[in-house]
Amino acid sequence: MEGYKYYSTQRPVDLLTYPNPPDNKPVEIVNYDCDARIPVQGENFRAWGELTYAKPLTDKQMYDYELRPSRLNPDRVQSRPSITARLQKAASRPEQAQEAPKPKDTKNHEDR
């Protein structure tokens, strides 16, 4: 993915509905052709449109304009192994002996 993508979840993209700083103008603006928000592929929300910037927006800019960042943005992608790789790694570890549970020091209702 080229650039940093943000989704407009509250309104269609129009004048004054997105950040337009002089040093980070939008590279691309896309309004979805529909009368309602549509589900965003790979995300768990709906949006009216999307904006792409060359540099990331600040948290304040995203908050002020109610924009949601794409999970695929370079500053959001986490280098975490897949669940399959984590399960295989856990399965290859030798099992550790567990201690037997210690008896409780408290008296039961009959001993009181």
PDB file of N, CA and C in Angstrom:
ATOM      1  N   MET A   1       0.843  -1.181   0.000  1.00  0.00           N
ATOM      2  CA  MET A   1       0.000   0.000   0.000  1.00  0.00           C
ATOM      3  C   MET A   1       0.884   1.238   0.000  1.00  0.00           C
ATOM      4  N   GLU A   2       0.594   2.154  -0.865  1.00  0.00           N
ATOM      5  CA  GLU A   2       1.343   3.399  -0.955  1.00  0.00           C
ATOM      6  C   GLU A   2       0.688   4.445  -0.068  1.00  0.00           C
ATOM      7  N   GLY A   3       1.446   5.117   0.760  1.00  0.00           N
ATOM      8  CA  GLY A   3       0.928   6.199   1.581  1.00  0.00           C
ATOM      9  C   GLY A   3       0.167   5.706   2.801  1.00  0.00           C
ATOM     10  N   TYR A   4      -0.562   6.638   3.407  1.00  0.00           N
ATOM     11  CA  TYR A   4      -1.319   6.388   4.631  1.00  0.00           C
ATOM     12  C   TYR A   4      -2.791   6.634   4.351  1.00  0.00           C
ATOM     13  N   LYS A   5      -3.605   5.596   4.545  1.00  0.00           N
ATOM     14  CA  LYS A   5      -5.024   5.667   4.214  1.00  0.00           C
ATOM     15  C   LYS A   5      -5.849   5.881   5.481  1.00  0.00           C
ATOM     16  N   TYR A   6      -6.845   6.766   5.379  1.00  0.00           N
ATOM     17  CA  TYR A   6      -7.761   7.062   6.477  1.00  0.00           C
ATOM     18  C   TYR A   6      -9.184   7.027   5.946  1.00  0.00           C
ATOM     19  N   TYR A   7     -10.101   6.548   6.782  1.00  0.00           N
ATOM     20  CA  TYR A   7     -11.493   6.403   6.381  1.00  0.00           C
ATOM     21  C   TYR A   7     -12.360   7.435   7.066  1.00  0.00           C
ATOM     22  N   SER A   8     -13.268   8.039   6.309  1.00  0.00           N
ATOM     23  CA  SER A   8     -14.242   8.983   6.850  1.00  0.00           C
ATOM     24  C   SER A   8     -15.473   8.186   7.261  1.00  0.00           C
ATOM     25  N   THR A   9     -15.656   8.008   8.575  1.00  0.00           N
ATOM     26  CA  THR A   9     -16.722   7.144   9.077  1.00  0.00           C
ATOM     27  C   THR A   9     -17.991   7.899   9.445  1.00  0.00           C
ATOM     28  N   GLN A  10     -17.940   9.230   9.511  1.00  0.00           N
ATOM     29  CA  GLN A  10     -19.097   9.984   9.988  1.00  0.00           C
ATOM     30  C   GLN A  10     -19.819  10.784   8.912  1.00  0.00           C
ATOM     31  N   ARG A  11     -19.137  11.051   7.802  1.00  0.00           N
ATOM     32  CA  ARG A  11     -19.731  11.883   6.746  1.00  0.00           C
ATOM     33  C   ARG A  11     -18.985  11.675   5.438  1.00  0.00           C
ATOM     34  N   PRO A  12     -19.635  11.981   4.306  1.00  0.00           N
ATOM     35  CA  PRO A  12     -18.892  11.939   3.034  1.00  0.00           C
ATOM     36  C   PRO A  12     -17.753  12.962   3.059  1.00  0.00           C
ATOM     37  N   VAL A  13     -16.703  12.699   2.331  1.00  0.00           N
ATOM     38  CA  VAL A  13     -15.557  13.602   2.266  1.00  0.00           C
ATOM     39  C   VAL A  13     -15.934  14.805   1.414  1.00  0.00           C
ATOM     40  N   ASP A  14     -15.771  15.993   1.989  1.00  0.00           N
ATOM     41  CA  ASP A  14     -16.112  17.239   1.302  1.00  0.00           C
ATOM     42  C   ASP A  14     -15.200  18.333   1.852  1.00  0.00           C
ATOM     43  N   LEU A  15     -15.322  19.543   1.351  1.00  0.00           N
ATOM     44  CA  LEU A  15     -14.522  20.655   1.848  1.00  0.00           C
ATOM     45  C   LEU A  15     -14.664  20.771   3.362  1.00  0.00           C
ATOM     46  N   LEU A  16     -13.557  21.021   4.037  1.00  0.00           N
ATOM     47  CA  LEU A  16     -13.491  21.222   5.487  1.00  0.00           C
ATOM     48  C   LEU A  16     -13.871  19.986   6.314  1.00  0.00           C
ATOM     49  N   THR A  17     -13.932  18.805   5.706  1.00  0.00           N
ATOM     50  CA  THR A  17     -14.242  17.591   6.462  1.00  0.00           C
ATOM     51  C   THR A  17     -13.015  16.701   6.630  1.00  0.00           C
ATOM     52  N   TYR A  18     -11.850  17.205   6.248  1.00  0.00           N
ATOM     53  CA  TYR A  18     -10.613  16.427   6.375  1.00  0.00           C
ATOM     54  C   TYR A  18      -9.439  17.380   6.587  1.00  0.00           C
ATOM     55  N   PRO A  19      -8.368  16.913   7.232  1.00  0.00           N
ATOM     56  CA  PRO A  19      -7.196  17.762   7.436  1.00  0.00           C
ATOM     57  C   PRO A  19      -6.494  18.057   6.102  1.00  0.00           C
ATOM     58  N   ASN A  20      -6.048  19.296   5.979  1.00  0.00           N
ATOM     59  CA  ASN A  20      -5.409  19.729   4.738  1.00  0.00           C
ATOM     60  C   ASN A  20      -4.178  20.580   5.072  1.00  0.00           C
ATOM     61  N   PRO A  21      -3.235  20.019   5.867  1.00  0.00           N
ATOM     62  CA  PRO A  21      -2.066  20.819   6.255  1.00  0.00           C
ATOM     63  C   PRO A  21      -1.191  21.134   5.042  1.00  0.00           C
ATOM     64  N   PRO A  22      -0.514  22.268   5.065  1.00  0.00           N
ATOM     65  CA  PRO A  22       0.299  22.670   3.902  1.00  0.00           C
ATOM     66  C   PRO A  22       1.433  21.699   3.577  1.00  0.00           C
ATOM     67  N   ASP A  23       1.952  21.011   4.594  1.00  0.00           N
ATOM     68  CA  ASP A  23       3.074  20.094   4.360  1.00  0.00           C
ATOM     69  C   ASP A  23       2.639  18.642   4.163  1.00  0.00           C
ATOM     70  N   ASN A  24       1.314  18.389   4.162  1.00  0.00           N
ATOM     71  CA  ASN A  24       0.826  17.010   3.988  1.00  0.00           C
ATOM     72  C   ASN A  24      -0.572  17.032   3.364  1.00  0.00           C
ATOM     73  N   LYS A  25      -0.640  17.458   2.128  1.00  0.00           N
ATOM     74  CA  LYS A  25      -1.923  17.496   1.411  1.00  0.00           C
ATOM     75  C   LYS A  25      -2.353  16.076   1.041  1.00  0.00           C
ATOM     76  N   PRO A  26      -3.665  15.825   0.954  1.00  0.00           N
ATOM     77  CA  PRO A  26      -4.110  14.494   0.522  1.00  0.00           C
ATOM     78  C   PRO A  26      -3.612  14.175  -0.883  1.00  0.00           C
ATOM     79  N   VAL A  27      -3.159  12.947  -1.063  1.00  0.00           N
ATOM     80  CA  VAL A  27      -2.702  12.479  -2.374  1.00  0.00           C
ATOM     81  C   VAL A  27      -3.898  12.013  -3.191  1.00  0.00           C
ATOM     82  N   GLU A  28      -4.868  11.408  -2.500  1.00  0.00           N
ATOM     83  CA  GLU A  28      -6.059  10.885  -3.178  1.00  0.00           C
ATOM     84  C   GLU A  28      -7.259  11.004  -2.247  1.00  0.00           C
ATOM     85  N   ILE A  29      -8.408  11.382  -2.810  1.00  0.00           N
ATOM     86  CA  ILE A  29      -9.667  11.452  -2.064  1.00  0.00           C
ATOM     87  C   ILE A  29     -10.695  10.632  -2.827  1.00  0.00           C
ATOM     88  N   VAL A  30     -11.328   9.678  -2.129  1.00  0.00           N
ATOM     89  CA  VAL A  30     -12.324   8.818  -2.760  1.00  0.00           C
ATOM     90  C   VAL A  30     -13.597   8.842  -1.929  1.00  0.00           C
ATOM     91  N   ASN A  31     -14.699   9.277  -2.530  1.00  0.00           N
ATOM     92  CA  ASN A  31     -16.007   9.139  -1.921  1.00  0.00           C
ATOM     93  C   ASN A  31     -16.649   7.908  -2.532  1.00  0.00           C
ATOM     94  N   TYR A  32     -17.169   7.042  -1.678  1.00  0.00           N
ATOM     95  CA  TYR A  32     -17.830   5.848  -2.202  1.00  0.00           C
ATOM     96  C   TYR A  32     -19.158   6.271  -2.830  1.00  0.00           C
ATOM     97  N   ASP A  33     -19.489   5.686  -3.967  1.00  0.00           N
ATOM     98  CA  ASP A  33     -20.706   6.044  -4.703  1.00  0.00           C
ATOM     99  C   ASP A  33     -21.913   5.341  -4.109  1.00  0.00           C
ATOM    100  N   CYS A  34     -22.406   5.893  -3.011  1.00  0.00           N
ATOM    101  CA  CYS A  34     -23.585   5.308  -2.388  1.00  0.00           C
ATOM    102  C   CYS A  34     -24.217   6.349  -1.463  1.00  0.00           C
ATOM    103  N   ASP A  35     -25.409   6.059  -1.014  1.00  0.00           N
ATOM    104  CA  ASP A  35     -26.133   6.985  -0.142  1.00  0.00           C
ATOM    105  C   ASP A  35     -25.987   6.624   1.329  1.00  0.00           C
ATOM    106  N   ALA A  36     -25.104   5.701   1.638  1.00  0.00           N
ATOM    107  CA  ALA A  36     -24.890   5.285   3.025  1.00  0.00           C
ATOM    108  C   ALA A  36     -23.459   4.775   3.164  1.00  0.00           C
ATOM    109  N   ARG A  37     -23.043   4.624   4.401  1.00  0.00           N
ATOM    110  CA  ARG A  37     -21.710   4.069   4.636  1.00  0.00           C
ATOM    111  C   ARG A  37     -21.689   2.606   4.185  1.00  0.00           C
ATOM    112  N   ILE A  38     -20.519   2.173   3.736  1.00  0.00           N
ATOM    113  CA  ILE A  38     -20.388   0.779   3.313  1.00  0.00           C
ATOM    114  C   ILE A  38     -19.299   0.104   4.156  1.00  0.00           C
ATOM    115  N   PRO A  39     -19.371  -1.220   4.326  1.00  0.00           N
ATOM    116  CA  PRO A  39     -18.324  -1.918   5.087  1.00  0.00           C
ATOM    117  C   PRO A  39     -16.968  -1.780   4.395  1.00  0.00           C
ATOM    118  N   VAL A  40     -15.944  -1.553   5.195  1.00  0.00           N
ATOM    119  CA  VAL A  40     -14.590  -1.431   4.669  1.00  0.00           C
ATOM    120  C   VAL A  40     -13.944  -2.805   4.713  1.00  0.00           C
ATOM    121  N   GLN A  41     -13.427  -3.246   3.578  1.00  0.00           N
ATOM    122  CA  GLN A  41     -12.825  -4.574   3.483  1.00  0.00           C
ATOM    123  C   GLN A  41     -11.617  -4.682   4.411  1.00  0.00           C
ATOM    124  N   GLY A  42     -11.594  -5.739   5.226  1.00  0.00           N
ATOM    125  CA  GLY A  42     -10.486  -5.971   6.144  1.00  0.00           C
ATOM    126  C   GLY A  42     -10.579  -5.199   7.443  1.00  0.00           C
ATOM    127  N   GLU A  43     -11.604  -4.383   7.606  1.00  0.00           N
ATOM    128  CA  GLU A  43     -11.785  -3.603   8.829  1.00  0.00           C
ATOM    129  C   GLU A  43     -13.131  -3.962   9.439  1.00  0.00           C
ATOM    130  N   ASN A  44     -13.382  -3.500  10.649  1.00  0.00           N
ATOM    131  CA  ASN A  44     -14.652  -3.821  11.293  1.00  0.00           C
ATOM    132  C   ASN A  44     -15.510  -2.569  11.487  1.00  0.00           C
ATOM    133  N   PHE A  45     -15.547  -1.721  10.469  1.00  0.00           N
ATOM    134  CA  PHE A  45     -16.378  -0.528  10.513  1.00  0.00           C
ATOM    135  C   PHE A  45     -16.830  -0.162   9.100  1.00  0.00           C
ATOM    136  N   ARG A  46     -17.716   0.809   9.034  1.00  0.00           N
ATOM    137  CA  ARG A  46     -18.233   1.307   7.752  1.00  0.00           C
ATOM    138  C   ARG A  46     -17.710   2.714   7.512  1.00  0.00           C
ATOM    139  N   ALA A  47     -17.645   3.118   6.244  1.00  0.00           N
ATOM    140  CA  ALA A  47     -17.131   4.445   5.921  1.00  0.00           C
ATOM    141  C   ALA A  47     -17.850   5.034   4.717  1.00  0.00           C
ATOM    142  N   TRP A  48     -17.781   6.356   4.644  1.00  0.00           N
ATOM    143  CA  TRP A  48     -18.343   7.093   3.502  1.00  0.00           C
ATOM    144  C   TRP A  48     -17.325   7.233   2.382  1.00  0.00           C
ATOM    145  N   GLY A  49     -16.038   7.223   2.753  1.00  0.00           N
ATOM    146  CA  GLY A  49     -14.988   7.413   1.763  1.00  0.00           C
ATOM    147  C   GLY A  49     -13.626   7.264   2.412  1.00  0.00           C
ATOM    148  N   GLU A  50     -12.596   7.523   1.625  1.00  0.00           N
ATOM    149  CA  GLU A  50     -11.230   7.367   2.130  1.00  0.00           C
ATOM    150  C   GLU A  50     -10.326   8.459   1.597  1.00  0.00           C
ATOM    151  N   LEU A  51      -9.273   8.745   2.369  1.00  0.00           N
ATOM    152  CA  LEU A  51      -8.268   9.736   1.986  1.00  0.00           C
ATOM    153  C   LEU A  51      -6.904   9.084   2.109  1.00  0.00           C
ATOM    154  N   THR A  52      -5.997   9.403   1.207  1.00  0.00           N
ATOM    155  CA  THR A  52      -4.643   8.881   1.264  1.00  0.00           C
ATOM    156  C   THR A  52      -3.677  10.057   1.354  1.00  0.00           C
ATOM    157  N   TYR A  53      -2.741   9.953   2.295  1.00  0.00           N
ATOM    158  CA  TYR A  53      -1.739  10.985   2.516  1.00  0.00           C
ATOM    159  C   TYR A  53      -0.350  10.387   2.328  1.00  0.00           C
ATOM    160  N   ALA A  54       0.626  11.239   1.994  1.00  0.00           N
ATOM    161  CA  ALA A  54       2.012  10.779   1.841  1.00  0.00           C
ATOM    162  C   ALA A  54       2.659  10.532   3.198  1.00  0.00           C
ATOM    163  N   LYS A  55       2.243  11.303   4.224  1.00  0.00           N
ATOM    164  CA  LYS A  55       2.784  11.160   5.577  1.00  0.00           C
ATOM    165  C   LYS A  55       1.626  10.864   6.529  1.00  0.00           C
ATOM    166  N   PRO A  56       1.908  10.272   7.677  1.00  0.00           N
ATOM    167  CA  PRO A  56       0.821   9.959   8.616  1.00  0.00           C
ATOM    168  C   PRO A  56       0.220  11.215   9.232  1.00  0.00           C
ATOM    169  N   LEU A  57      -1.063  11.134   9.557  1.00  0.00           N
ATOM    170  CA  LEU A  57      -1.737  12.213  10.265  1.00  0.00           C
ATOM    171  C   LEU A  57      -1.447  12.075  11.760  1.00  0.00           C
ATOM    172  N   THR A  58      -1.599  13.154  12.488  1.00  0.00           N
ATOM    173  CA  THR A  58      -1.427  13.096  13.936  1.00  0.00           C
ATOM    174  C   THR A  58      -2.702  12.533  14.560  1.00  0.00           C
ATOM    175  N   ASP A  59      -2.592  12.068  15.795  1.00  0.00           N
ATOM    176  CA  ASP A  59      -3.774  11.572  16.501  1.00  0.00           C
ATOM    177  C   ASP A  59      -4.816  12.678  16.639  1.00  0.00           C
ATOM    178  N   LYS A  60      -4.377  13.910  16.848  1.00  0.00           N
ATOM    179  CA  LYS A  60      -5.305  15.038  16.976  1.00  0.00           C
ATOM    180  C   LYS A  60      -6.052  15.274  15.665  1.00  0.00           C
ATOM    181  N   GLN A  61      -5.346  15.212  14.547  1.00  0.00           N
ATOM    182  CA  GLN A  61      -6.008  15.387  13.249  1.00  0.00           C
ATOM    183  C   GLN A  61      -7.051  14.293  13.021  1.00  0.00           C
ATOM    184  N   MET A  62      -6.699  13.049  13.339  1.00  0.00           N
ATOM    185  CA  MET A  62      -7.670  11.958  13.170  1.00  0.00           C
ATOM    186  C   MET A  62      -8.878  12.181  14.078  1.00  0.00           C
ATOM    187  N   TYR A  63      -8.634  12.607  15.316  1.00  0.00           N
ATOM    188  CA  TYR A  63      -9.728  12.834  16.267  1.00  0.00           C
ATOM    189  C   TYR A  63     -10.605  14.010  15.820  1.00  0.00           C
ATOM    190  N   ASP A  64      -9.967  15.121  15.452  1.00  0.00           N
ATOM    191  CA  ASP A  64     -10.717  16.324  15.074  1.00  0.00           C
ATOM    192  C   ASP A  64     -11.633  16.092  13.875  1.00  0.00           C
ATOM    193  N   TYR A  65     -11.210  15.268  12.937  1.00  0.00           N
ATOM    194  CA  TYR A  65     -11.997  15.029  11.722  1.00  0.00           C
ATOM    195  C   TYR A  65     -12.682  13.658  11.720  1.00  0.00           C
ATOM    196  N   GLU A  66     -12.608  12.956  12.840  1.00  0.00           N
ATOM    197  CA  GLU A  66     -13.270  11.659  13.002  1.00  0.00           C
ATOM    198  C   GLU A  66     -12.881  10.672  11.887  1.00  0.00           C
ATOM    199  N   LEU A  67     -11.584  10.555  11.669  1.00  0.00           N
ATOM    200  CA  LEU A  67     -11.054   9.639  10.660  1.00  0.00           C
ATOM    201  C   LEU A  67     -10.504   8.397  11.347  1.00  0.00           C
ATOM    202  N   ARG A  68     -10.632   7.268  10.679  1.00  0.00           N
ATOM    203  CA  ARG A  68     -10.097   6.001  11.191  1.00  0.00           C
ATOM    204  C   ARG A  68      -8.938   5.574  10.295  1.00  0.00           C
ATOM    205  N   PRO A  69      -7.776   5.251  10.883  1.00  0.00           N
ATOM    206  CA  PRO A  69      -6.641   4.820  10.065  1.00  0.00           C
ATOM    207  C   PRO A  69      -6.829   3.389   9.579  1.00  0.00           C
ATOM    208  N   SER A  70      -6.255   3.097   8.437  1.00  0.00           N
ATOM    209  CA  SER A  70      -6.245   1.724   7.933  1.00  0.00           C
ATOM    210  C   SER A  70      -5.290   0.897   8.784  1.00  0.00           C
ATOM    211  N   ARG A  71      -5.653  -0.350   9.041  1.00  0.00           N
ATOM    212  CA  ARG A  71      -4.760  -1.219   9.814  1.00  0.00           C
ATOM    213  C   ARG A  71      -3.519  -1.572   9.011  1.00  0.00           C
ATOM    214  N   LEU A  72      -3.523  -1.300   7.712  1.00  0.00           N
ATOM    215  CA  LEU A  72      -2.380  -1.607   6.854  1.00  0.00           C
ATOM    216  C   LEU A  72      -1.407  -0.436   6.701  1.00  0.00           C
ATOM    217  N   ASN A  73      -1.681   0.693   7.356  1.00  0.00           N
ATOM    218  CA  ASN A  73      -0.760   1.827   7.293  1.00  0.00           C
ATOM    219  C   ASN A  73       0.593   1.411   7.852  1.00  0.00           C
ATOM    220  N   PRO A  74       1.693   1.888   7.246  1.00  0.00           N
ATOM    221  CA  PRO A  74       3.029   1.475   7.705  1.00  0.00           C
ATOM    222  C   PRO A  74       3.279   1.735   9.191  1.00  0.00           C
ATOM    223  N   ASP A  75       2.674   2.772   9.762  1.00  0.00           N
ATOM    224  CA  ASP A  75       2.895   3.062  11.180  1.00  0.00           C
ATOM    225  C   ASP A  75       1.991   2.241  12.091  1.00  0.00           C
ATOM    226  N   ARG A  76       1.068   1.465  11.522  1.00  0.00           N
ATOM    227  CA  ARG A  76       0.139   0.662  12.321  1.00  0.00           C
ATOM    228  C   ARG A  76       0.404  -0.836  12.226  1.00  0.00           C
ATOM    229  N   VAL A  77       1.097  -1.274  11.197  1.00  0.00           N
ATOM    230  CA  VAL A  77       1.328  -2.702  10.988  1.00  0.00           C
ATOM    231  C   VAL A  77       2.269  -3.218  12.069  1.00  0.00           C
ATOM    232  N   GLN A  78       1.857  -4.280  12.727  1.00  0.00           N
ATOM    233  CA  GLN A  78       2.683  -4.888  13.766  1.00  0.00           C
ATOM    234  C   GLN A  78       3.339  -6.139  13.194  1.00  0.00           C
ATOM    235  N   SER A  79       4.611  -6.295  13.488  1.00  0.00           N
ATOM    236  CA  SER A  79       5.305  -7.493  13.005  1.00  0.00           C
ATOM    237  C   SER A  79       5.113  -8.597  14.040  1.00  0.00           C
ATOM    238  N   ARG A  80       3.961  -9.202  14.010  1.00  0.00           N
ATOM    239  CA  ARG A  80       3.612 -10.267  14.946  1.00  0.00           C
ATOM    240  C   ARG A  80       3.452 -11.560  14.157  1.00  0.00           C
ATOM    241  N   PRO A  81       4.019 -12.655  14.668  1.00  0.00           N
ATOM    242  CA  PRO A  81       3.879 -13.915  13.939  1.00  0.00           C
ATOM    243  C   PRO A  81       2.417 -14.349  13.875  1.00  0.00           C
ATOM    244  N   SER A  82       2.097 -15.120  12.876  1.00  0.00           N
ATOM    245  CA  SER A  82       0.722 -15.596  12.711  1.00  0.00           C
ATOM    246  C   SER A  82       0.349 -16.521  13.865  1.00  0.00           C
ATOM    247  N   ILE A  83      -0.923 -16.735  14.062  1.00  0.00           N
ATOM    248  CA  ILE A  83      -1.399 -17.613  15.125  1.00  0.00           C
ATOM    249  C   ILE A  83      -0.889 -19.041  14.915  1.00  0.00           C
ATOM    250  N   THR A  84      -0.795 -19.466  13.657  1.00  0.00           N
ATOM    251  CA  THR A  84      -0.282 -20.809  13.355  1.00  0.00           C
ATOM    252  C   THR A  84       1.165 -20.936  13.814  1.00  0.00           C
ATOM    253  N   ALA A  85       1.977 -19.933  13.518  1.00  0.00           N
ATOM    254  CA  ALA A  85       3.389 -19.972  13.916  1.00  0.00           C
ATOM    255  C   ALA A  85       3.515 -19.965  15.434  1.00  0.00           C
ATOM    256  N   ARG A  86       2.684 -19.183  16.116  1.00  0.00           N
ATOM    257  CA  ARG A  86       2.742 -19.145  17.574  1.00  0.00           C
ATOM    258  C   ARG A  86       2.314 -20.473  18.188  1.00  0.00           C
ATOM    259  N   LEU A  87       1.294 -21.113  17.619  1.00  0.00           N
ATOM    260  CA  LEU A  87       0.850 -22.412  18.129  1.00  0.00           C
ATOM    261  C   LEU A  87       1.907 -23.493  17.908  1.00  0.00           C
ATOM    262  N   GLN A  88       2.561 -23.473  16.739  1.00  0.00           N
ATOM    263  CA  GLN A  88       3.608 -24.449  16.461  1.00  0.00           C
ATOM    264  C   GLN A  88       4.789 -24.273  17.415  1.00  0.00           C
ATOM    265  N   LYS A  89       5.134 -23.033  17.702  1.00  0.00           N
ATOM    266  CA  LYS A  89       6.235 -22.755  18.625  1.00  0.00           C
ATOM    267  C   LYS A  89       5.877 -23.251  20.029  1.00  0.00           C
ATOM    268  N   ALA A  90       4.659 -22.994  20.452  1.00  0.00           N
ATOM    269  CA  ALA A  90       4.225 -23.437  21.777  1.00  0.00           C
ATOM    270  C   ALA A  90       4.194 -24.954  21.859  1.00  0.00           C
ATOM    271  N   ALA A  91       3.795 -25.619  20.791  1.00  0.00           N
ATOM    272  CA  ALA A  91       3.716 -27.088  20.789  1.00  0.00           C
ATOM    273  C   ALA A  91       5.102 -27.721  20.803  1.00  0.00           C
ATOM    274  N   SER A  92       6.109 -27.030  20.291  1.00  0.00           N
ATOM    275  CA  SER A  92       7.454 -27.611  20.231  1.00  0.00           C
ATOM    276  C   SER A  92       8.220 -27.449  21.543  1.00  0.00           C
ATOM    277  N   ARG A  93       7.722 -26.652  22.460  1.00  0.00           N
ATOM    278  CA  ARG A  93       8.385 -26.489  23.757  1.00  0.00           C
ATOM    279  C   ARG A  93       8.188 -27.741  24.606  1.00  0.00           C
ATOM    280  N   PRO A  94       9.228 -28.135  25.354  1.00  0.00           N
ATOM    281  CA  PRO A  94       9.034 -29.282  26.256  1.00  0.00           C
ATOM    282  C   PRO A  94       8.091 -28.886  27.388  1.00  0.00           C
ATOM    283  N   GLU A  95       7.301 -29.853  27.799  1.00  0.00           N
ATOM    284  CA  GLU A  95       6.362 -29.568  28.882  1.00  0.00           C
ATOM    285  C   GLU A  95       7.127 -29.432  30.186  1.00  0.00           C
ATOM    286  N   GLN A  96       6.727 -28.460  30.984  1.00  0.00           N
ATOM    287  CA  GLN A  96       7.357 -28.258  32.271  1.00  0.00           C
ATOM    288  C   GLN A  96       6.525 -28.960  33.334  1.00  0.00           C
ATOM    289  N   ALA A  97       7.236 -29.568  34.272  1.00  0.00           N
ATOM    290  CA  ALA A  97       6.524 -30.250  35.352  1.00  0.00           C
ATOM    291  C   ALA A  97       5.847 -29.203  36.226  1.00  0.00           C
ATOM    292  N   GLN A  98       4.595 -29.437  36.508  1.00  0.00           N
ATOM    293  CA  GLN A  98       3.855 -28.506  37.349  1.00  0.00           C
ATOM    294  C   GLN A  98       3.795 -29.063  38.764  1.00  0.00           C
ATOM    295  N   GLU A  99       3.879 -28.169  39.731  1.00  0.00           N
ATOM    296  CA  GLU A  99       3.782 -28.574  41.122  1.00  0.00           C
ATOM    297  C   GLU A  99       2.344 -28.941  41.451  1.00  0.00           C
ATOM    298  N   ALA A 100       2.214 -29.896  42.368  1.00  0.00           N
ATOM    299  CA  ALA A 100       0.868 -30.266  42.824  1.00  0.00           C
ATOM    300  C   ALA A 100       0.289 -29.097  43.609  1.00  0.00           C
ATOM    301  N   PRO A 101      -1.009 -28.912  43.518  1.00  0.00           N
ATOM    302  CA  PRO A 101      -1.596 -27.795  44.255  1.00  0.00           C
ATOM    303  C   PRO A 101      -1.419 -27.988  45.757  1.00  0.00           C
ATOM    304  N   LYS A 102      -1.122 -26.891  46.430  1.00  0.00           N
ATOM    305  CA  LYS A 102      -0.921 -26.942  47.872  1.00  0.00           C
ATOM    306  C   LYS A 102      -2.277 -26.952  48.570  1.00  0.00           C
ATOM    307  N   PRO A 103      -2.359 -27.691  49.680  1.00  0.00           N
ATOM    308  CA  PRO A 103      -3.634 -27.683  50.408  1.00  0.00           C
ATOM    309  C   PRO A 103      -3.897 -26.301  51.000  1.00  0.00           C
ATOM    310  N   LYS A 104      -5.150 -25.956  51.080  1.00  0.00           N
ATOM    311  CA  LYS A 104      -5.530 -24.652  51.611  1.00  0.00           C
ATOM    312  C   LYS A 104      -5.351 -24.634  53.123  1.00  0.00           C
ATOM    313  N   ASP A 105      -4.974 -23.511  53.649  1.00  0.00           N
ATOM    314  CA  ASP A 105      -4.783 -23.359  55.086  1.00  0.00           C
ATOM    315  C   ASP A 105      -6.082 -22.991  55.800  1.00  0.00           C
ATOM    316  N   THR A 106      -7.109 -22.767  55.072  1.00  0.00           N
ATOM    317  CA  THR A 106      -8.359 -22.343  55.706  1.00  0.00           C
ATOM    318  C   THR A 106      -9.166 -23.547  56.144  1.00  0.00           C
ATOM    319  N   LYS A 107      -9.940 -23.329  57.162  1.00  0.00           N
ATOM    320  CA  LYS A 107     -10.811 -24.396  57.662  1.00  0.00           C
ATOM    321  C   LYS A 107     -12.114 -24.383  56.871  1.00  0.00           C
ATOM    322  N   ASN A 108     -12.675 -25.575  56.701  1.00  0.00           N
ATOM    323  CA  ASN A 108     -13.962 -25.615  56.020  1.00  0.00           C
ATOM    324  C   ASN A 108     -15.071 -25.327  57.033  1.00  0.00           C
ATOM    325  N   HIS A 109     -16.291 -25.297  56.588  1.00  0.00           N
ATOM    326  CA  HIS A 109     -17.404 -24.919  57.455  1.00  0.00           C
ATOM    327  C   HIS A 109     -17.622 -25.895  58.601  1.00  0.00           C
ATOM    328  N   GLU A 110     -17.199 -27.157  58.452  1.00  0.00           N
ATOM    329  CA  GLU A 110     -17.368 -28.137  59.505  1.00  0.00           C
ATOM    330  C   GLU A 110     -16.344 -27.947  60.622  1.00  0.00           C
ATOM    331  N   ASP A 111     -15.167 -27.402  60.299  1.00  0.00           N
ATOM    332  CA  ASP A 111     -14.121 -27.200  61.295  1.00  0.00           C
ATOM    333  C   ASP A 111     -14.302 -25.922  62.083  1.00  0.00           C
ATOM    334  N   ARG A 112     -15.187 -25.074  61.716  1.00  0.00           N
ATOM    335  CA  ARG A 112     -15.353 -23.785  62.389  1.00  0.00           C
ATOM    336  C   ARG A 112     -16.137 -23.878  63.657  1.00  0.00           C
TER     337      ARG A 112
END
